[in-house]
Amino acid sequence: MEHQKLLVIGSPGSGKSTFARKLRDKTGLPLHYLDMLFHNPDRTTVSREVFDDRLSQILASECWIIDGNYRRTLPLRFERCTGVFFFDVPVKQCLRGVEARIGHAREDMPWIETEFDPEFRQYILDFKRDQVPSITELIEEYREYKEITIFHSREEADSWLDERM
């Protein structure tokens, strides 16, 4: 899997970070979480310039897995990747996924979520309307040049790993 540059995108709670970890463990590729580039442990965020610099360093490397959406940088990441995994799962599954991780330490966030933030919940509820159209456009634009895999459930993602890795 050398020279592989893979994106894992989809709604929060869809299972993308869990899949990204399993993919890392099976391939040995370095995994980078965009939330860890953007958020500080004290729940503040870095500047746009700092985030972009951190992302540029990753994109310049030979191989990677990048987990996260961050729509503003998605076109650049699509341009640089070799493959995309898009989690297009039902909203209810995403909400359950986020609810299940509250109170648990995670390697993809610098703090432990103690509650389901109402604004974050609304982001998930609106994800198909607000985020998926631009993701779909990029998928259509790059479909001929990139390996694109769309999962409609966590089970599909697990099966893909079992069959391919």
C-alpha atoms as a PDB file:
ATOM      1  CA  MET A   1       0.000   0.000   0.000  1.00  0.00           C
ATOM      2  CA  GLU A   2       2.916   2.344  -0.498  1.00  0.00           C
ATOM      3  CA  HIS A   3       2.099   5.669  -2.125  1.00  0.00           C
ATOM      4  CA  GLN A   4      -1.529   5.264  -1.120  1.00  0.00           C
ATOM      5  CA  LYS A   5      -3.293   8.484  -0.148  1.00  0.00           C
ATOM      6  CA  LEU A   6      -6.749   7.732   1.174  1.00  0.00           C
ATOM      7  CA  LEU A   7      -9.644   9.892   2.335  1.00  0.00           C
ATOM      8  CA  VAL A   8     -12.270   8.682   4.776  1.00  0.00           C
ATOM      9  CA  ILE A   9     -15.258  11.035   4.770  1.00  0.00           C
ATOM     10  CA  GLY A  10     -18.870  11.067   5.879  1.00  0.00           C
ATOM     11  CA  SER A  11     -21.143  12.318   8.613  1.00  0.00           C
ATOM     12  CA  PRO A  12     -19.950  12.377  12.205  1.00  0.00           C
ATOM     13  CA  GLY A  13     -21.015   9.155  13.884  1.00  0.00           C
ATOM     14  CA  SER A  14     -21.098   7.214  10.601  1.00  0.00           C
ATOM     15  CA  GLY A  15     -18.192   4.958  11.549  1.00  0.00           C
ATOM     16  CA  LYS A  16     -15.498   6.618   9.478  1.00  0.00           C
ATOM     17  CA  SER A  17     -12.932   6.967  12.282  1.00  0.00           C
ATOM     18  CA  THR A  18     -13.379   3.360  13.372  1.00  0.00           C
ATOM     19  CA  PHE A  19     -12.946   2.272   9.743  1.00  0.00           C
ATOM     20  CA  ALA A  20      -9.902   4.541   9.335  1.00  0.00           C
ATOM     21  CA  ARG A  21      -8.252   2.926  12.376  1.00  0.00           C
ATOM     22  CA  LYS A  22      -8.950  -0.581  11.045  1.00  0.00           C
ATOM     23  CA  LEU A  23      -7.604   0.458   7.635  1.00  0.00           C
ATOM     24  CA  ARG A  24      -4.466   1.869   9.281  1.00  0.00           C
ATOM     25  CA  ASP A  25      -3.972  -1.308  11.281  1.00  0.00           C
ATOM     26  CA  LYS A  26      -4.294  -3.480   8.157  1.00  0.00           C
ATOM     27  CA  THR A  27      -2.188  -1.304   5.813  1.00  0.00           C
ATOM     28  CA  GLY A  28       0.366   0.337   8.084  1.00  0.00           C
ATOM     29  CA  LEU A  29      -0.384   3.706   6.482  1.00  0.00           C
ATOM     30  CA  PRO A  30      -0.134   6.743   8.769  1.00  0.00           C
ATOM     31  CA  LEU A  31      -3.545   7.985   9.912  1.00  0.00           C
ATOM     32  CA  HIS A  32      -4.326  11.670  10.437  1.00  0.00           C
ATOM     33  CA  TYR A  33      -7.536  12.978  11.969  1.00  0.00           C
ATOM     34  CA  LEU A  34      -8.553  16.442  10.800  1.00  0.00           C
ATOM     35  CA  ASP A  35     -10.279  17.029  14.140  1.00  0.00           C
ATOM     36  CA  MET A  36      -6.898  16.594  15.851  1.00  0.00           C
ATOM     37  CA  LEU A  37      -5.342  19.151  13.473  1.00  0.00           C
ATOM     38  CA  PHE A  38      -8.112  21.673  14.156  1.00  0.00           C
ATOM     39  CA  HIS A  39      -9.061  21.247  17.827  1.00  0.00           C
ATOM     40  CA  ASN A  40      -6.934  21.892  20.888  1.00  0.00           C
ATOM     41  CA  PRO A  41      -7.379  19.903  24.140  1.00  0.00           C
ATOM     42  CA  ASP A  42      -8.937  22.992  25.799  1.00  0.00           C
ATOM     43  CA  ARG A  43     -11.724  22.934  23.163  1.00  0.00           C
ATOM     44  CA  THR A  44     -10.372  25.947  21.297  1.00  0.00           C
ATOM     45  CA  THR A  45      -9.410  25.728  17.637  1.00  0.00           C
ATOM     46  CA  VAL A  46      -6.322  26.656  15.667  1.00  0.00           C
ATOM     47  CA  SER A  47      -6.261  29.399  13.062  1.00  0.00           C
ATOM     48  CA  ARG A  48      -7.045  28.678   9.437  1.00  0.00           C
ATOM     49  CA  GLU A  49      -3.351  29.243   8.622  1.00  0.00           C
ATOM     50  CA  VAL A  50      -2.156  26.733  11.234  1.00  0.00           C
ATOM     51  CA  PHE A  51      -4.710  24.143  10.093  1.00  0.00           C
ATOM     52  CA  ASP A  52      -3.782  24.639   6.426  1.00  0.00           C
ATOM     53  CA  ASP A  53      -0.063  24.367   7.230  1.00  0.00           C
ATOM     54  CA  ARG A  54      -0.595  21.134   9.175  1.00  0.00           C
ATOM     55  CA  LEU A  55      -2.729  19.706   6.364  1.00  0.00           C
ATOM     56  CA  SER A  56      -0.193  20.741   3.697  1.00  0.00           C
ATOM     57  CA  GLN A  57       2.555  18.859   5.524  1.00  0.00           C
ATOM     58  CA  ILE A  58       0.457  15.698   5.511  1.00  0.00           C
ATOM     59  CA  LEU A  59      -0.579  16.089   1.865  1.00  0.00           C
ATOM     60  CA  ALA A  60       3.075  16.472   0.856  1.00  0.00           C
ATOM     61  CA  SER A  61       4.013  13.118   2.370  1.00  0.00           C
ATOM     62  CA  GLU A  62       4.218   9.882   0.380  1.00  0.00           C
ATOM     63  CA  CYS A  63       1.287   8.063   1.916  1.00  0.00           C
ATOM     64  CA  TRP A  64      -1.540   8.726   4.338  1.00  0.00           C
ATOM     65  CA  ILE A  65      -5.064   8.156   5.480  1.00  0.00           C
ATOM     66  CA  ILE A  66      -6.961  11.356   6.301  1.00  0.00           C
ATOM     67  CA  ASP A  67     -10.147  11.065   8.337  1.00  0.00           C
ATOM     68  CA  GLY A  68     -12.561  13.982   8.283  1.00  0.00           C
ATOM     69  CA  ASN A  69     -14.698  16.247   6.164  1.00  0.00           C
ATOM     70  CA  TYR A  70     -13.753  19.933   6.542  1.00  0.00           C
ATOM     71  CA  ARG A  71     -15.503  20.888   3.322  1.00  0.00           C
ATOM     72  CA  ARG A  72     -13.274  23.903   2.601  1.00  0.00           C
ATOM     73  CA  THR A  73     -10.246  21.645   2.050  1.00  0.00           C
ATOM     74  CA  LEU A  74     -12.061  18.711   0.478  1.00  0.00           C
ATOM     75  CA  PRO A  75     -11.331  19.684  -3.168  1.00  0.00           C
ATOM     76  CA  LEU A  76      -7.590  19.883  -2.419  1.00  0.00           C
ATOM     77  CA  ARG A  77      -7.642  16.518  -0.659  1.00  0.00           C
ATOM     78  CA  PHE A  78      -9.608  14.905  -3.517  1.00  0.00           C
ATOM     79  CA  GLU A  79      -7.029  16.239  -5.949  1.00  0.00           C
ATOM     80  CA  ARG A  80      -4.139  14.708  -3.977  1.00  0.00           C
ATOM     81  CA  CYS A  81      -5.649  11.379  -2.913  1.00  0.00           C
ATOM     82  CA  THR A  82      -5.558   8.027  -4.684  1.00  0.00           C
ATOM     83  CA  GLY A  83      -8.771   6.736  -3.131  1.00  0.00           C
ATOM     84  CA  VAL A  84     -11.877   7.813  -1.223  1.00  0.00           C
ATOM     85  CA  PHE A  85     -14.099   5.985   1.259  1.00  0.00           C
ATOM     86  CA  PHE A  86     -17.408   7.800   1.691  1.00  0.00           C
ATOM     87  CA  PHE A  87     -19.735   6.786   4.512  1.00  0.00           C
ATOM     88  CA  ASP A  88     -23.223   7.594   3.259  1.00  0.00           C
ATOM     89  CA  VAL A  89     -25.143   6.013   6.115  1.00  0.00           C
ATOM     90  CA  PRO A  90     -28.590   6.770   7.560  1.00  0.00           C
ATOM     91  CA  VAL A  91     -28.848   9.756   9.897  1.00  0.00           C
ATOM     92  CA  LYS A  92     -30.252   7.602  12.720  1.00  0.00           C
ATOM     93  CA  GLN A  93     -27.155   5.406  12.595  1.00  0.00           C
ATOM     94  CA  CYS A  94     -24.931   8.521  12.785  1.00  0.00           C
ATOM     95  CA  LEU A  95     -26.831   9.892  15.777  1.00  0.00           C
ATOM     96  CA  ARG A  96     -26.537   6.526  17.554  1.00  0.00           C
ATOM     97  CA  GLY A  97     -22.822   6.438  16.735  1.00  0.00           C
ATOM     98  CA  VAL A  98     -22.211   9.805  18.378  1.00  0.00           C
ATOM     99  CA  GLU A  99     -24.392   8.947  21.379  1.00  0.00           C
ATOM    100  CA  ALA A 100     -22.413   5.728  21.912  1.00  0.00           C
ATOM    101  CA  ARG A 101     -19.055   7.513  22.106  1.00  0.00           C
ATOM    102  CA  ILE A 102     -20.057  10.167  24.667  1.00  0.00           C
ATOM    103  CA  GLY A 103     -17.977   9.740  27.799  1.00  0.00           C
ATOM    104  CA  HIS A 104     -15.255   7.687  26.075  1.00  0.00           C
ATOM    105  CA  ALA A 105     -11.677   8.712  25.246  1.00  0.00           C
ATOM    106  CA  ARG A 106     -10.951   8.581  21.510  1.00  0.00           C
ATOM    107  CA  GLU A 107      -7.749   8.946  19.552  1.00  0.00           C
ATOM    108  CA  ASP A 108      -9.511  11.116  16.965  1.00  0.00           C
ATOM    109  CA  MET A 109     -10.496  13.917  19.422  1.00  0.00           C
ATOM    110  CA  PRO A 110      -8.348  15.744  21.966  1.00  0.00           C
ATOM    111  CA  TRP A 111     -11.046  15.662  24.660  1.00  0.00           C
ATOM    112  CA  ILE A 112     -13.809  13.425  25.949  1.00  0.00           C
ATOM    113  CA  GLU A 113     -17.282  14.467  24.862  1.00  0.00           C
ATOM    114  CA  THR A 114     -19.509  14.691  27.923  1.00  0.00           C
ATOM    115  CA  GLU A 115     -22.758  15.552  26.152  1.00  0.00           C
ATOM    116  CA  PHE A 116     -24.305  15.602  22.692  1.00  0.00           C
ATOM    117  CA  ASP A 117     -23.948  19.255  21.766  1.00  0.00           C
ATOM    118  CA  PRO A 118     -27.229  20.508  20.194  1.00  0.00           C
ATOM    119  CA  GLU A 119     -25.375  22.395  17.435  1.00  0.00           C
ATOM    120  CA  PHE A 120     -23.373  19.259  16.583  1.00  0.00           C
ATOM    121  CA  ARG A 121     -26.580  17.190  16.533  1.00  0.00           C
ATOM    122  CA  GLN A 122     -28.102  19.688  14.070  1.00  0.00           C
ATOM    123  CA  TYR A 123     -24.981  19.489  11.876  1.00  0.00           C
ATOM    124  CA  ILE A 124     -25.531  15.731  11.646  1.00  0.00           C
ATOM    125  CA  LEU A 125     -29.262  16.142  10.949  1.00  0.00           C
ATOM    126  CA  ASP A 126     -28.425  18.600   8.139  1.00  0.00           C
ATOM    127  CA  PHE A 127     -25.409  16.700   6.776  1.00  0.00           C
ATOM    128  CA  LYS A 128     -27.211  15.102   3.813  1.00  0.00           C
ATOM    129  CA  ARG A 129     -28.680  18.459   2.790  1.00  0.00           C
ATOM    130  CA  ASP A 130     -25.670  20.684   3.493  1.00  0.00           C
ATOM    131  CA  GLN A 131     -22.606  18.493   2.914  1.00  0.00           C
ATOM    132  CA  VAL A 132     -23.465  15.547   0.685  1.00  0.00           C
ATOM    133  CA  PRO A 133     -24.152  17.570  -2.509  1.00  0.00           C
ATOM    134  CA  SER A 134     -20.596  18.960  -2.593  1.00  0.00           C
ATOM    135  CA  ILE A 135     -19.160  15.526  -1.731  1.00  0.00           C
ATOM    136  CA  THR A 136     -21.230  13.965  -4.537  1.00  0.00           C
ATOM    137  CA  GLU A 137     -19.958  16.587  -6.993  1.00  0.00           C
ATOM    138  CA  LEU A 138     -16.355  15.755  -6.125  1.00  0.00           C
ATOM    139  CA  ILE A 139     -17.027  12.030  -6.379  1.00  0.00           C
ATOM    140  CA  GLU A 140     -18.509  12.521  -9.857  1.00  0.00           C
ATOM    141  CA  GLU A 141     -15.626  14.773 -10.886  1.00  0.00           C
ATOM    142  CA  TYR A 142     -12.952  12.288  -9.794  1.00  0.00           C
ATOM    143  CA  ARG A 143     -14.726   8.953 -10.316  1.00  0.00           C
ATOM    144  CA  GLU A 144     -12.659   8.108 -13.416  1.00  0.00           C
ATOM    145  CA  TYR A 145      -9.319   8.941 -11.780  1.00  0.00           C
ATOM    146  CA  LYS A 146      -9.682   7.765  -8.184  1.00  0.00           C
ATOM    147  CA  GLU A 147     -10.784   4.571  -6.503  1.00  0.00           C
ATOM    148  CA  ILE A 148     -14.040   5.564  -4.798  1.00  0.00           C
ATOM    149  CA  THR A 149     -15.893   3.299  -2.401  1.00  0.00           C
ATOM    150  CA  ILE A 150     -19.248   4.248  -0.899  1.00  0.00           C
ATOM    151  CA  PHE A 151     -20.496   2.493   2.229  1.00  0.00           C
ATOM    152  CA  HIS A 152     -24.150   2.606   3.294  1.00  0.00           C
ATOM    153  CA  SER A 153     -23.538   0.924   6.651  1.00  0.00           C
ATOM    154  CA  ARG A 154     -20.747   0.075   9.059  1.00  0.00           C
ATOM    155  CA  GLU A 155     -21.316  -3.572   8.183  1.00  0.00           C
ATOM    156  CA  GLU A 156     -20.548  -2.874   4.514  1.00  0.00           C
ATOM    157  CA  ALA A 157     -17.289  -1.218   5.574  1.00  0.00           C
ATOM    158  CA  ASP A 158     -16.330  -4.171   7.782  1.00  0.00           C
ATOM    159  CA  SER A 159     -17.119  -6.607   4.965  1.00  0.00           C
ATOM    160  CA  TRP A 160     -14.982  -4.583   2.563  1.00  0.00           C
ATOM    161  CA  LEU A 161     -12.034  -4.771   4.976  1.00  0.00           C
ATOM    162  CA  ASP A 162     -12.538  -8.503   5.497  1.00  0.00           C
ATOM    163  CA  GLU A 163     -12.677  -9.181   1.755  1.00  0.00           C
ATOM    164  CA  ARG A 164      -9.927  -6.821   0.563  1.00  0.00           C
ATOM    165  CA  MET A 165      -7.378  -6.696   3.362  1.00  0.00           C
END
